[in-house]
Amino acid sequence: MFEVKKPHNSNKTIRMPDDLIQKLQKVADENDISFNQLVIQCCEYALDHRNGSEK
């Protein structure tokens, strides 16, 4: 049977410098994605590539 899978998301408030928010928003706009999705992708990339190692 087909089952639709929904990702489990939680809300978390974080503080960022205004200039970083502006840079991230510009990149998100240029790539036609949401600010939230860009931040998720940046965090996942950083975690996957920390200390020069990959998954």
C-alpha atoms as a PDB file:
ATOM      1  CA  MET A   1       0.000   0.000   0.000  1.00  0.00           C
ATOM      2  CA  PHE A   2       1.232   3.492  -0.867  1.00  0.00           C
ATOM      3  CA  GLU A   3       2.036   5.598   2.167  1.00  0.00           C
ATOM      4  CA  VAL A   4       2.777   9.319   2.052  1.00  0.00           C
ATOM      5  CA  LYS A   5       5.756  10.136   4.253  1.00  0.00           C
ATOM      6  CA  LYS A   6       5.908  13.495   5.949  1.00  0.00           C
ATOM      7  CA  PRO A   7       9.142  14.813   7.409  1.00  0.00           C
ATOM      8  CA  HIS A   8       9.032  15.633  11.096  1.00  0.00           C
ATOM      9  CA  ASN A   9       9.941  19.255  11.673  1.00  0.00           C
ATOM     10  CA  SER A  10      10.344  21.302  14.830  1.00  0.00           C
ATOM     11  CA  ASN A  11      10.547  25.037  15.357  1.00  0.00           C
ATOM     12  CA  LYS A  12      13.722  26.526  16.814  1.00  0.00           C
ATOM     13  CA  THR A  13      14.375  30.232  17.216  1.00  0.00           C
ATOM     14  CA  ILE A  14      17.933  31.311  16.460  1.00  0.00           C
ATOM     15  CA  ARG A  15      19.622  34.700  16.363  1.00  0.00           C
ATOM     16  CA  MET A  16      21.823  35.743  13.448  1.00  0.00           C
ATOM     17  CA  PRO A  17      23.626  38.942  12.571  1.00  0.00           C
ATOM     18  CA  ASP A  18      21.566  41.173  10.262  1.00  0.00           C
ATOM     19  CA  ASP A  19      24.237  41.131   7.554  1.00  0.00           C
ATOM     20  CA  LEU A  20      24.249  37.309   7.488  1.00  0.00           C
ATOM     21  CA  ILE A  21      20.460  37.255   7.155  1.00  0.00           C
ATOM     22  CA  GLN A  22      20.688  39.677   4.232  1.00  0.00           C
ATOM     23  CA  LYS A  23      23.327  37.544   2.478  1.00  0.00           C
ATOM     24  CA  LEU A  24      21.360  34.343   3.008  1.00  0.00           C
ATOM     25  CA  GLN A  25      18.126  35.953   1.800  1.00  0.00           C
ATOM     26  CA  LYS A  26      19.891  37.177  -1.349  1.00  0.00           C
ATOM     27  CA  VAL A  27      21.150  33.661  -2.125  1.00  0.00           C
ATOM     28  CA  ALA A  28      17.711  32.188  -1.426  1.00  0.00           C
ATOM     29  CA  ASP A  29      16.043  34.721  -3.723  1.00  0.00           C
ATOM     30  CA  GLU A  30      18.600  34.123  -6.492  1.00  0.00           C
ATOM     31  CA  ASN A  31      17.936  30.379  -6.332  1.00  0.00           C
ATOM     32  CA  ASP A  32      14.157  30.602  -5.928  1.00  0.00           C
ATOM     33  CA  ILE A  33      14.085  28.715  -2.619  1.00  0.00           C
ATOM     34  CA  SER A  34      12.878  29.727   0.817  1.00  0.00           C
ATOM     35  CA  PHE A  35      15.186  31.230   3.396  1.00  0.00           C
ATOM     36  CA  ASN A  36      14.408  28.274   5.651  1.00  0.00           C
ATOM     37  CA  GLN A  37      15.314  25.704   2.987  1.00  0.00           C
ATOM     38  CA  LEU A  38      18.613  27.478   2.302  1.00  0.00           C
ATOM     39  CA  VAL A  39      19.531  27.499   5.997  1.00  0.00           C
ATOM     40  CA  ILE A  40      18.722  23.768   6.235  1.00  0.00           C
ATOM     41  CA  GLN A  41      20.901  23.018   3.203  1.00  0.00           C
ATOM     42  CA  CYS A  42      23.767  25.132   4.574  1.00  0.00           C
ATOM     43  CA  CYS A  43      23.613  23.379   7.950  1.00  0.00           C
ATOM     44  CA  GLU A  44      23.476  19.920   6.361  1.00  0.00           C
ATOM     45  CA  TYR A  45      26.427  20.762   4.103  1.00  0.00           C
ATOM     46  CA  ALA A  46      28.464  22.101   7.031  1.00  0.00           C
ATOM     47  CA  LEU A  47      27.764  18.996   9.118  1.00  0.00           C
ATOM     48  CA  ASP A  48      28.569  16.652   6.226  1.00  0.00           C
ATOM     49  CA  HIS A  49      31.877  18.419   5.520  1.00  0.00           C
ATOM     50  CA  ARG A  50      33.176  19.246   8.993  1.00  0.00           C
ATOM     51  CA  ASN A  51      36.833  18.418   9.605  1.00  0.00           C
ATOM     52  CA  GLY A  52      37.240  17.655   5.916  1.00  0.00           C
ATOM     53  CA  SER A  53      35.231  14.451   6.233  1.00  0.00           C
ATOM     54  CA  GLU A  54      32.151  13.404   4.351  1.00  0.00           C
ATOM     55  CA  LYS A  55      29.332  11.043   5.317  1.00  0.00           C
END
